[in-house]
Amino acid sequence: MTNNGTDIIAFGDSLTYGYGAAPEESYPYILGEIIGRDIVNLGVNGNTAADGLARIDDLKDYNPYMVLIEFGANDYMRKRPFDQTKQALSDIVDYVQDMGAIAVLVDTGGPGMGKYTDYMKELSRQKQTLFVPAIMTGIFTDPSLKSDIIHPNAKGYKIVAERVCKSIKKHLPRD
């Protein structure tokens, strides 16, 4: 399938939204600055993977070339059934790929997230998505990079944006 999309969309939870920082300090905004193109930020504070799936039709408002899918941490913290999270992530990837866009699974990593990371790696292999590993590594444990006990601050989001960029840059459209 040919990808005729034009939009890069960040679809996720508070880490995508940029909770704890100004909008221009969110990782999608900074990533856009790094790669020289706007990123649509569809992050919603508090979303689980099931919440993301429930609002997946929001993607129809755009012409996605690539969708950065970042969910799982809230599922873990709220003790959502793991099978529900797995199914929602799989369904989101299917939806994105059915639109003809590149699906990118963005893994938060961090304490307690091992089985989520393992599943995302496996899902990425199965569905041939891009995979961004452990965006929060080192940020979780460094108070100077956080705005609260969970979320990055501007410096932390810059690190996240650089990590995402490293994983997707060779797959970006050539303008």
Protein backbone atom coordinates (compact mmCIF):
# COMPACT_ATOMS: atom_id res chain seq x y z
CA MET A 1 0.00 0.00 0.00
CA THR A 2 1.32 3.45 -0.91
CA ASN A 3 1.39 6.00 1.85
CA ASN A 4 -0.04 9.26 0.51
CA GLY A 5 -0.41 10.80 3.96
CA THR A 6 1.02 14.16 4.87
CA ASP A 7 0.50 14.46 8.64
CA ILE A 8 2.65 13.15 11.45
CA ILE A 9 0.40 12.57 14.44
CA ALA A 10 1.39 11.98 18.06
CA PHE A 11 -1.43 9.90 19.56
CA GLY A 12 -1.16 9.12 23.23
CA ASP A 13 -1.60 10.08 26.85
CA SER A 14 -0.20 12.83 29.09
CA LEU A 15 3.38 12.16 27.98
CA THR A 16 2.29 12.97 24.43
CA TYR A 17 0.12 15.87 25.53
CA GLY A 18 3.08 17.40 27.36
CA TYR A 19 1.63 17.47 30.86
CA GLY A 20 3.84 19.52 33.17
CA ALA A 21 5.22 21.79 30.46
CA ALA A 22 4.04 24.54 28.13
CA PRO A 23 2.57 23.39 24.79
CA GLU A 24 5.75 24.44 22.96
CA GLU A 25 7.76 22.26 25.36
CA SER A 26 5.84 19.04 24.66
CA TYR A 27 7.75 16.25 22.94
CA PRO A 28 5.60 16.45 19.75
CA TYR A 29 6.26 20.20 19.43
CA ILE A 30 10.00 19.79 20.03
CA LEU A 31 10.12 16.83 17.64
CA GLY A 32 8.47 19.04 15.01
CA GLU A 33 11.14 21.67 15.57
CA ILE A 34 13.90 19.06 15.18
CA ILE A 35 12.53 17.59 11.95
CA GLY A 36 11.26 20.85 10.51
CA ARG A 37 7.59 20.01 10.19
CA ASP A 38 4.49 20.34 12.35
CA ILE A 39 3.39 17.38 14.43
CA VAL A 40 -0.32 17.05 15.27
CA ASN A 41 -0.55 16.49 19.03
CA LEU A 42 -3.49 14.24 19.93
CA GLY A 43 -2.28 13.48 23.44
CA VAL A 44 -4.93 13.40 26.18
CA ASN A 45 -4.06 13.46 29.87
CA GLY A 46 -4.97 10.27 31.69
CA ASN A 47 -5.75 8.18 28.62
CA THR A 48 -5.36 4.43 28.70
CA ALA A 49 -4.94 2.34 25.56
CA ALA A 50 -8.69 1.62 25.65
CA ASP A 51 -9.40 5.37 25.85
CA GLY A 52 -7.17 5.88 22.82
CA LEU A 53 -9.02 3.19 20.92
CA ALA A 54 -12.34 4.83 21.84
CA ARG A 55 -11.20 8.08 20.18
CA ILE A 56 -9.33 6.50 17.26
CA ASP A 57 -11.73 8.06 14.75
CA ASP A 58 -10.11 11.43 15.59
CA LEU A 59 -7.40 10.34 13.15
CA LYS A 60 -9.93 10.65 10.30
CA ASP A 61 -9.73 14.44 10.70
CA TYR A 62 -6.18 14.26 9.30
CA ASN A 63 -4.24 12.68 6.47
CA PRO A 64 -1.77 10.56 8.47
CA TYR A 65 1.62 9.69 7.06
CA MET A 66 2.89 8.46 10.43
CA VAL A 67 1.20 7.96 13.81
CA LEU A 68 3.28 7.85 17.01
CA ILE A 69 1.28 5.60 19.37
CA GLU A 70 2.18 6.12 23.04
CA PHE A 71 -0.04 4.37 25.60
CA GLY A 72 0.45 1.92 28.44
CA ALA A 73 1.75 3.80 31.48
CA ASN A 74 -1.75 4.73 32.68
CA ASP A 75 -2.93 1.17 32.04
CA TYR A 76 -0.14 -0.04 34.33
CA MET A 77 -0.70 2.59 37.05
CA ARG A 78 -4.48 1.99 37.07
CA LYS A 79 -4.05 -1.77 36.98
CA ARG A 80 -6.15 -2.18 33.84
CA PRO A 81 -6.39 -5.79 32.63
CA PHE A 82 -3.24 -6.45 30.60
CA ASP A 83 -5.16 -8.37 27.94
CA GLN A 84 -7.41 -5.32 27.44
CA THR A 85 -4.36 -3.09 26.96
CA LYS A 86 -2.79 -5.54 24.53
CA GLN A 87 -5.96 -5.78 22.45
CA ALA A 88 -6.44 -2.00 22.37
CA LEU A 89 -2.84 -1.43 21.24
CA SER A 90 -3.17 -4.08 18.55
CA ASP A 91 -6.45 -2.56 17.34
CA ILE A 92 -4.93 0.95 17.25
CA VAL A 93 -2.01 -0.33 15.15
CA ASP A 94 -4.42 -2.11 12.79
CA TYR A 95 -6.48 1.06 12.38
CA VAL A 96 -3.42 3.18 11.63
CA GLN A 97 -2.07 0.67 9.14
CA ASP A 98 -5.48 0.29 7.49
CA MET A 99 -5.35 4.06 6.89
CA GLY A 100 -2.10 3.47 5.02
CA ALA A 101 0.03 5.26 7.60
CA ILE A 102 3.23 4.17 9.30
CA ALA A 103 2.49 2.99 12.85
CA VAL A 104 5.13 3.74 15.45
CA LEU A 105 4.87 2.12 18.89
CA VAL A 106 6.40 4.43 21.49
CA ASP A 107 7.40 2.58 24.65
CA THR A 108 7.66 4.53 27.90
CA GLY A 109 9.84 1.99 29.65
CA GLY A 110 10.47 2.54 33.32
CA PRO A 111 9.80 0.76 36.59
CA GLY A 112 7.19 -2.00 36.37
CA MET A 113 6.67 -1.60 32.62
CA GLY A 114 8.63 -4.71 31.56
CA LYS A 115 5.73 -6.80 30.30
CA TYR A 116 4.33 -3.77 28.43
CA THR A 117 7.69 -3.19 26.76
CA ASP A 118 7.98 -6.88 25.89
CA TYR A 119 4.49 -6.87 24.38
CA MET A 120 5.13 -3.71 22.36
CA LYS A 121 8.33 -5.19 20.95
CA GLU A 122 6.46 -8.36 19.98
CA LEU A 123 3.53 -6.41 18.51
CA SER A 124 5.99 -4.31 16.54
CA ARG A 125 7.59 -7.45 15.10
CA GLN A 126 4.23 -9.04 14.30
CA LYS A 127 2.72 -6.01 12.63
CA GLN A 128 5.95 -4.57 11.23
CA THR A 129 5.70 -1.20 12.94
CA LEU A 130 8.50 1.09 13.98
CA PHE A 131 9.42 0.85 17.66
CA VAL A 132 10.78 3.59 19.92
CA PRO A 133 12.25 2.02 23.07
CA ALA A 134 12.10 3.34 26.62
CA ILE A 135 11.54 7.06 26.12
CA MET A 136 11.51 7.70 29.87
CA THR A 137 14.72 5.87 30.77
CA GLY A 138 16.81 8.10 33.02
CA ILE A 139 14.04 10.69 33.20
CA PHE A 140 11.99 8.75 35.78
CA THR A 141 14.97 8.75 38.16
CA ASP A 142 16.22 12.31 37.60
CA PRO A 143 14.19 14.98 39.42
CA SER A 144 15.90 17.71 37.38
CA LEU A 145 14.13 16.33 34.27
CA LYS A 146 10.63 16.09 35.80
CA SER A 147 7.78 18.47 36.54
CA ASP A 148 6.22 16.12 39.12
CA ILE A 149 6.77 12.53 40.27
CA ILE A 150 5.85 11.13 36.83
CA HIS A 151 5.96 13.68 34.01
CA PRO A 152 8.95 15.29 32.33
CA ASN A 153 9.62 19.00 32.34
CA ALA A 154 10.82 20.90 29.26
CA LYS A 155 14.33 19.40 29.53
CA GLY A 156 12.89 15.90 29.91
CA TYR A 157 10.54 16.31 26.94
CA LYS A 158 13.49 17.45 24.82
CA ILE A 159 15.21 14.14 25.59
CA VAL A 160 12.01 12.25 24.70
CA ALA A 161 11.74 14.14 21.39
CA GLU A 162 15.37 13.32 20.54
CA ARG A 163 14.80 9.64 21.28
CA VAL A 164 11.70 9.51 19.10
CA CYS A 165 13.50 11.38 16.32
CA LYS A 166 16.37 8.91 16.35
CA SER A 167 13.94 6.03 15.75
CA ILE A 168 11.81 7.64 13.02
CA LYS A 169 14.09 10.02 11.11
CA LYS A 170 15.04 7.67 8.29
CA HIS A 171 11.33 6.93 7.72
CA LEU A 172 10.22 10.55 7.37
CA PRO A 173 8.97 11.77 4.00
CA ARG A 174 11.43 13.63 1.85
CA ASP A 175 10.01 17.06 1.05
